[in-house]
Amino acid sequence: MIIGVNETLNGTKELDEEKEVTQLRHARLMRSATYASVTLASLLILVKTSAWFATDSLSLLASLVDSILDAGASLANLFAVSHALQPADKEHRFGHGKAEALGSLAQSAFIAGSAAFLLLKSVDRFVKPQEISNSDTGILVMAISIVMTLLLVGFQTYVVNKTNSIAIHADSLHYRADILVNIAVIVSLILSVNLQWTMADPIFALLIIIYMSIGAYKIAIQALDILMDREFSDEERERIKNIAESHESVLNVHDMRTRSSGATSFIQFHAEMPKDILLSEAHEIADEVMYMVEKFFPNTEVLIHQDPEGVDERHDVV
């Protein structure tokens, strides 16, 4: 049943207001997450620097370098998110969301660079093994780092679940890696001191490097998918099609195109409708379908082209 014009306008206004409130809430969460990560990285640099001077542990140095790169990546992320949250303007009518993907790409470069540096240090330590001193200090610092990082990752996970931000997700990925790095450092210190296994330090450093490299690769691929306008998954596209075609006046959906730009996604498709209805009725049907899709895909802009029944304007395969 087609809704009235006034009801449609009221629904549009309510939907727009709800979107605006949601976007403001998401913006606050994303900014808070970036500030928290920069603050944590700065604190970890201070404590890990002191611990490295005390222990001269290569694994701890690996963790320190990782934190330094984290700080740089988090700063880049802060600027990227701030830019991405700017509203659409005349020059950027789809918004600035892709700045998030650029920030994530910068993070992957930071992580890859730190891995390369640590690889050189590890090779040198394999050639010239060195005993670890003041292991208790190193273990205490790593334990503190783990607790602080867990708190940050928990908050970042909450923000990602609420906003679907790729930049915060990328930031969270390398802080999750930090937790494993810190655990590896503790194990390395225990083995090096208690069992006098001097090779444990460079071996664990190499394991950290491998993990960091894998993380950098995953972040880069995810960022490139957004920058290259990768389509939604087949399951999500099929779900959109089923939602739209569940409307009694939509006969078929085709020519679907989807993409993401930061926290905002864009969905467009052609909806085939009965050819004997008025243009105003087709418009109302399109609005109803738009509400239906946006209900299941929040933070999404939906654009629907209305096709009269029997007119074939297909440009790709749905």
Protein backbone atom coordinates (compact mmCIF):
# COMPACT_ATOMS: atom_id res chain seq x y z
CA MET A 1 0.00 0.00 0.00
CA ILE A 2 1.40 3.41 -1.02
CA ILE A 3 1.76 5.92 1.80
CA GLY A 4 0.53 9.51 1.54
CA VAL A 5 2.69 12.42 0.46
CA ASN A 6 2.60 14.12 3.88
CA GLU A 7 3.47 10.87 5.63
CA THR A 8 6.35 10.37 3.21
CA LEU A 9 7.68 13.86 3.91
CA ASN A 10 7.37 13.34 7.65
CA GLY A 11 9.17 10.01 7.34
CA THR A 12 11.95 11.64 5.35
CA LYS A 13 12.37 14.39 7.95
CA GLU A 14 12.46 11.92 10.84
CA LEU A 15 14.96 9.73 8.99
CA ASP A 16 17.21 12.70 8.23
CA GLU A 17 17.10 13.85 11.86
CA GLU A 18 17.90 10.36 13.09
CA LYS A 19 20.82 10.14 10.64
CA GLU A 20 22.19 13.47 11.80
CA VAL A 21 22.04 12.46 15.47
CA THR A 22 23.70 9.13 14.69
CA GLN A 23 26.45 10.78 12.63
CA LEU A 24 27.22 13.26 15.43
CA ARG A 25 27.38 10.45 17.97
CA HIS A 26 29.68 8.42 15.71
CA ALA A 27 31.90 11.43 15.10
CA ARG A 28 32.39 11.94 18.84
CA LEU A 29 33.23 8.27 19.33
CA MET A 30 35.73 8.24 16.47
CA ARG A 31 37.49 11.39 17.67
CA SER A 32 37.66 10.01 21.23
CA ALA A 33 39.20 6.79 19.92
CA THR A 34 41.92 8.66 18.02
CA TYR A 35 42.77 10.84 21.02
CA ALA A 36 42.94 7.77 23.26
CA SER A 37 45.31 5.89 20.92
CA VAL A 38 47.70 8.85 20.58
CA THR A 39 47.75 9.32 24.36
CA LEU A 40 48.42 5.64 25.02
CA ALA A 41 51.18 5.40 22.40
CA SER A 42 52.94 8.42 23.93
CA LEU A 43 52.80 6.91 27.43
CA LEU A 44 54.07 3.55 26.22
CA ILE A 45 57.03 5.19 24.47
CA LEU A 46 58.13 6.75 27.75
CA VAL A 47 57.91 3.59 29.86
CA LYS A 48 59.37 1.28 27.19
CA THR A 49 62.31 3.61 26.55
CA SER A 50 63.23 3.45 30.23
CA ALA A 51 62.85 -0.34 30.25
CA TRP A 52 64.97 -0.81 27.12
CA PHE A 53 67.82 1.26 28.56
CA ALA A 54 67.65 -0.92 31.67
CA THR A 55 67.51 -4.32 29.91
CA ASP A 56 69.07 -3.82 26.43
CA SER A 57 66.58 -6.44 25.21
CA LEU A 58 66.08 -6.66 21.45
CA SER A 59 62.53 -7.91 21.93
CA LEU A 60 61.83 -4.92 24.15
CA LEU A 61 63.42 -2.65 21.54
CA ALA A 62 61.08 -4.24 18.99
CA SER A 63 58.16 -3.36 21.21
CA LEU A 64 59.50 0.19 21.73
CA VAL A 65 59.95 0.78 17.99
CA ASP A 66 56.47 -0.59 17.43
CA SER A 67 55.09 1.92 19.95
CA ILE A 68 56.97 4.78 18.27
CA LEU A 69 55.46 3.77 14.94
CA ASP A 70 52.10 3.38 16.66
CA ALA A 71 52.32 6.99 17.81
CA GLY A 72 53.10 8.16 14.27
CA ALA A 73 50.34 5.99 12.82
CA SER A 74 47.85 7.15 15.45
CA LEU A 75 48.69 10.79 14.76
CA ALA A 76 48.18 10.22 11.03
CA ASN A 77 44.95 8.44 11.89
CA LEU A 78 43.81 11.37 14.03
CA PHE A 79 44.25 13.81 11.14
CA ALA A 80 42.69 11.37 8.66
CA VAL A 81 39.60 10.81 10.82
CA SER A 82 39.24 14.55 11.49
CA HIS A 83 39.29 15.19 7.73
CA ALA A 84 36.98 12.26 6.97
CA LEU A 85 34.36 13.61 9.40
CA GLN A 86 34.07 16.89 7.53
CA PRO A 87 30.69 17.17 5.78
CA ALA A 88 30.33 16.94 2.02
CA ASP A 89 31.05 20.16 0.15
CA LYS A 90 30.94 21.48 -3.42
CA GLU A 91 34.26 19.86 -4.33
CA HIS A 92 33.58 16.58 -2.49
CA ARG A 93 29.90 15.81 -2.85
CA PHE A 94 30.33 12.22 -1.62
CA GLY A 95 32.05 13.48 1.53
CA HIS A 96 35.63 12.98 2.72
CA GLY A 97 35.28 9.41 4.01
CA LYS A 98 38.12 8.01 1.91
CA ALA A 99 40.56 9.99 4.04
CA GLU A 100 40.07 7.15 6.53
CA ALA A 101 41.36 4.63 3.99
CA LEU A 102 44.34 6.87 3.22
CA GLY A 103 45.10 7.03 6.94
CA SER A 104 44.90 3.24 7.17
CA LEU A 105 47.25 2.92 4.21
CA ALA A 106 49.71 5.23 6.00
CA GLN A 107 49.46 3.02 9.08
CA SER A 108 50.35 -0.07 7.08
CA ALA A 109 53.42 1.77 5.73
CA PHE A 110 54.45 2.73 9.27
CA ILE A 111 54.15 -0.87 10.44
CA ALA A 112 56.04 -2.26 7.42
CA GLY A 113 58.84 0.26 7.98
CA SER A 114 59.23 -0.70 11.63
CA ALA A 115 59.31 -4.39 10.68
CA ALA A 116 62.15 -3.74 8.21
CA PHE A 117 64.15 -1.86 10.86
CA LEU A 118 63.68 -4.62 13.42
CA LEU A 119 64.71 -7.26 10.89
CA LEU A 120 68.11 -5.60 10.54
CA LYS A 121 68.52 -5.44 14.32
CA SER A 122 67.52 -9.10 14.68
CA VAL A 123 70.10 -10.26 12.13
CA ASP A 124 72.77 -8.33 14.03
CA ARG A 125 71.72 -9.92 17.35
CA PHE A 126 71.86 -13.41 15.78
CA VAL A 127 75.46 -12.71 14.78
CA LYS A 128 76.34 -11.11 18.13
CA PRO A 129 74.23 -12.73 20.91
CA GLN A 130 73.85 -10.61 24.02
CA GLU A 131 72.62 -11.37 27.52
CA ILE A 132 69.60 -9.56 28.96
CA SER A 133 69.84 -7.62 32.22
CA ASN A 134 67.21 -6.25 34.63
CA SER A 135 64.58 -8.62 33.25
CA ASP A 136 62.19 -7.88 36.14
CA THR A 137 61.96 -4.24 35.02
CA GLY A 138 61.21 -5.31 31.45
CA ILE A 139 58.55 -7.80 32.54
CA LEU A 140 56.84 -5.22 34.76
CA VAL A 141 56.78 -2.65 31.95
CA MET A 142 55.36 -5.19 29.49
CA ALA A 143 52.66 -6.22 31.96
CA ILE A 144 51.63 -2.59 32.44
CA SER A 145 51.64 -2.11 28.66
CA ILE A 146 49.38 -5.12 28.16
CA VAL A 147 46.78 -3.85 30.65
CA MET A 148 46.78 -0.32 29.16
CA THR A 149 46.55 -1.64 25.60
CA LEU A 150 43.71 -4.03 26.48
CA LEU A 151 41.69 -1.07 27.77
CA LEU A 152 42.31 0.86 24.54
CA VAL A 153 41.47 -2.11 22.29
CA GLY A 154 38.25 -2.67 24.23
CA PHE A 155 37.20 0.94 23.62
CA GLN A 156 38.26 0.79 19.97
CA THR A 157 36.25 -2.40 19.45
CA TYR A 158 33.18 -0.65 20.87
CA VAL A 159 33.72 2.31 18.51
CA VAL A 160 34.21 0.07 15.46
CA ASN A 161 31.03 -1.88 16.25
CA LYS A 162 29.10 1.41 16.49
CA THR A 163 30.65 3.30 13.55
CA ASN A 164 32.17 0.66 11.22
CA SER A 165 35.20 2.95 10.85
CA ILE A 166 38.04 1.39 8.85
CA ALA A 167 40.57 3.84 10.30
CA ILE A 168 39.72 2.95 13.90
CA HIS A 169 39.63 -0.73 12.89
CA ALA A 170 43.14 -0.45 11.42
CA ASP A 171 44.33 1.34 14.54
CA SER A 172 42.83 -1.41 16.67
CA LEU A 173 44.53 -4.12 14.60
CA HIS A 174 48.03 -2.90 15.30
CA TYR A 175 47.27 -2.34 18.99
CA ARG A 176 45.99 -5.92 19.14
CA ALA A 177 49.34 -6.89 17.64
CA ASP A 178 51.00 -4.87 20.42
CA ILE A 179 49.37 -7.10 23.01
CA LEU A 180 50.89 -10.19 21.39
CA VAL A 181 54.20 -8.36 21.01
CA ASN A 182 54.27 -7.53 24.71
CA ILE A 183 53.44 -11.11 25.67
CA ALA A 184 56.23 -12.32 23.38
CA VAL A 185 58.67 -9.92 25.04
CA ILE A 186 57.80 -11.27 28.50
CA VAL A 187 58.35 -14.86 27.34
CA SER A 188 61.61 -13.85 25.66
CA LEU A 189 62.90 -12.16 28.83
CA ILE A 190 62.01 -15.17 30.99
CA LEU A 191 63.72 -17.64 28.62
CA SER A 192 66.80 -15.44 28.16
CA VAL A 193 67.40 -14.87 31.89
CA ASN A 194 66.15 -18.05 33.57
CA LEU A 195 67.30 -20.55 30.93
CA GLN A 196 70.24 -18.52 29.57
CA TRP A 197 68.86 -19.00 26.06
CA THR A 198 70.33 -15.91 24.40
CA MET A 199 68.79 -16.79 21.04
CA ALA A 200 65.28 -16.42 22.47
CA ASP A 201 65.51 -12.62 22.21
CA PRO A 202 66.18 -12.37 18.43
CA ILE A 203 63.91 -15.35 17.66
CA PHE A 204 60.93 -13.73 19.35
CA ALA A 205 61.82 -10.45 17.66
CA LEU A 206 61.56 -12.25 14.29
CA LEU A 207 58.18 -13.70 15.25
CA ILE A 208 57.02 -10.19 16.12
CA ILE A 209 58.27 -8.95 12.73
CA ILE A 210 56.30 -11.66 10.90
CA TYR A 211 53.13 -10.80 12.82
CA MET A 212 53.58 -7.08 12.17
CA SER A 213 54.09 -7.71 8.45
CA ILE A 214 50.92 -9.78 8.18
CA GLY A 215 48.97 -7.04 9.98
CA ALA A 216 50.38 -4.36 7.67
CA TYR A 217 49.34 -6.41 4.63
CA LYS A 218 45.77 -6.90 5.88
CA ILE A 219 45.36 -3.21 6.68
CA ALA A 220 46.70 -2.20 3.25
CA ILE A 221 44.35 -4.58 1.41
CA GLN A 222 41.32 -3.32 3.33
CA ALA A 223 42.25 0.31 2.65
CA LEU A 224 42.83 -0.36 -1.05
CA ASP A 225 39.43 -2.07 -1.31
CA ILE A 226 37.77 1.15 -0.17
CA LEU A 227 39.94 3.41 -2.33
CA MET A 228 39.17 1.22 -5.36
CA ASP A 229 35.40 1.15 -4.59
CA ARG A 230 35.21 -2.58 -4.00
CA GLU A 231 31.67 -3.93 -4.09
CA PHE A 232 29.85 -5.28 -1.04
CA SER A 233 30.04 -9.05 -0.56
CA ASP A 234 27.72 -11.27 -2.62
CA GLU A 235 25.75 -12.05 0.55
CA GLU A 236 25.17 -8.35 1.30
CA ARG A 237 24.18 -7.59 -2.30
CA GLU A 238 21.71 -10.47 -2.29
CA ARG A 239 20.28 -9.23 0.99
CA ILE A 240 19.76 -5.73 -0.46
CA LYS A 241 18.03 -7.24 -3.50
CA ASN A 242 15.73 -9.37 -1.33
CA ILE A 243 14.81 -6.41 0.89
CA ALA A 244 13.93 -4.21 -2.08
CA GLU A 245 11.99 -6.93 -3.92
CA SER A 246 10.00 -7.70 -0.77
CA HIS A 247 8.03 -4.49 -1.49
CA GLU A 248 4.81 -5.45 -3.25
CA SER A 249 5.27 -2.82 -5.98
CA VAL A 250 8.90 -3.68 -6.84
CA LEU A 251 8.95 -6.31 -9.57
CA ASN A 252 12.69 -6.59 -10.02
CA VAL A 253 15.99 -5.07 -8.91
CA HIS A 254 18.98 -4.81 -11.24
CA ASP A 255 22.06 -2.70 -12.08
CA MET A 256 23.10 -2.62 -8.42
CA ARG A 257 26.28 -0.79 -7.45
CA THR A 258 27.68 -0.56 -3.93
CA ARG A 259 30.75 0.98 -2.32
CA SER A 260 32.04 2.34 0.97
CA SER A 261 33.71 5.63 1.84
CA GLY A 262 34.85 5.72 5.44
CA ALA A 263 31.93 5.14 7.80
CA THR A 264 29.38 5.88 5.03
CA SER A 265 28.29 3.40 2.38
CA PHE A 266 26.52 4.05 -0.92
CA ILE A 267 23.96 1.77 -2.56
CA GLN A 268 22.31 2.40 -5.90
CA PHE A 269 20.13 0.21 -8.09
CA HIS A 270 17.29 0.19 -10.62
CA ALA A 271 13.86 -0.89 -9.33
CA GLU A 272 11.32 -2.12 -11.89
CA MET A 273 7.74 -1.05 -11.09
CA PRO A 274 4.32 -1.39 -12.75
CA LYS A 275 4.25 0.77 -15.89
CA ASP A 276 0.73 2.12 -15.32
CA ILE A 277 1.43 3.97 -12.04
CA LEU A 278 1.95 7.73 -11.73
CA LEU A 279 5.42 9.25 -11.40
CA SER A 280 4.48 10.51 -7.92
CA GLU A 281 3.52 6.98 -6.91
CA ALA A 282 6.82 5.60 -8.23
CA HIS A 283 8.64 8.23 -6.19
CA GLU A 284 6.78 7.24 -3.02
CA ILE A 285 7.54 3.56 -3.63
CA ALA A 286 11.23 4.39 -4.08
CA ASP A 287 11.20 6.29 -0.77
CA GLU A 288 9.59 3.33 1.01
CA VAL A 289 12.20 0.94 -0.42
CA MET A 290 14.96 3.37 0.55
CA TYR A 291 13.72 3.34 4.19
CA MET A 292 13.59 -0.46 4.14
CA VAL A 293 17.18 -0.81 2.91
CA GLU A 294 18.57 1.88 5.22
CA LYS A 295 16.92 0.20 8.20
CA PHE A 296 19.12 -2.86 7.68
CA PHE A 297 22.15 -0.94 6.37
CA PRO A 298 22.63 2.10 8.64
CA ASN A 299 24.98 4.96 7.71
CA THR A 300 24.11 4.31 4.09
CA GLU A 301 22.90 6.55 1.28
CA VAL A 302 20.53 4.75 -1.08
CA LEU A 303 19.79 5.98 -4.60
CA ILE A 304 17.02 4.24 -6.56
CA HIS A 305 16.28 4.65 -10.27
CA GLN A 306 12.66 3.79 -11.13
CA ASP A 307 12.16 1.69 -14.27
CA PRO A 308 8.69 1.05 -15.77
CA GLU A 309 7.85 -2.62 -16.22
CA GLY A 310 9.17 -4.09 -19.46
CA VAL A 311 11.84 -1.45 -20.10
CA ASP A 312 15.25 -3.11 -20.17
CA GLU A 313 18.02 -0.76 -19.04
CA ARG A 314 20.39 -3.31 -17.57
CA HIS A 315 24.05 -2.35 -17.61
CA ASP A 316 25.54 -5.15 -15.52
CA VAL A 317 24.57 -8.43 -13.87
CA VAL A 318 23.04 -8.33 -10.38
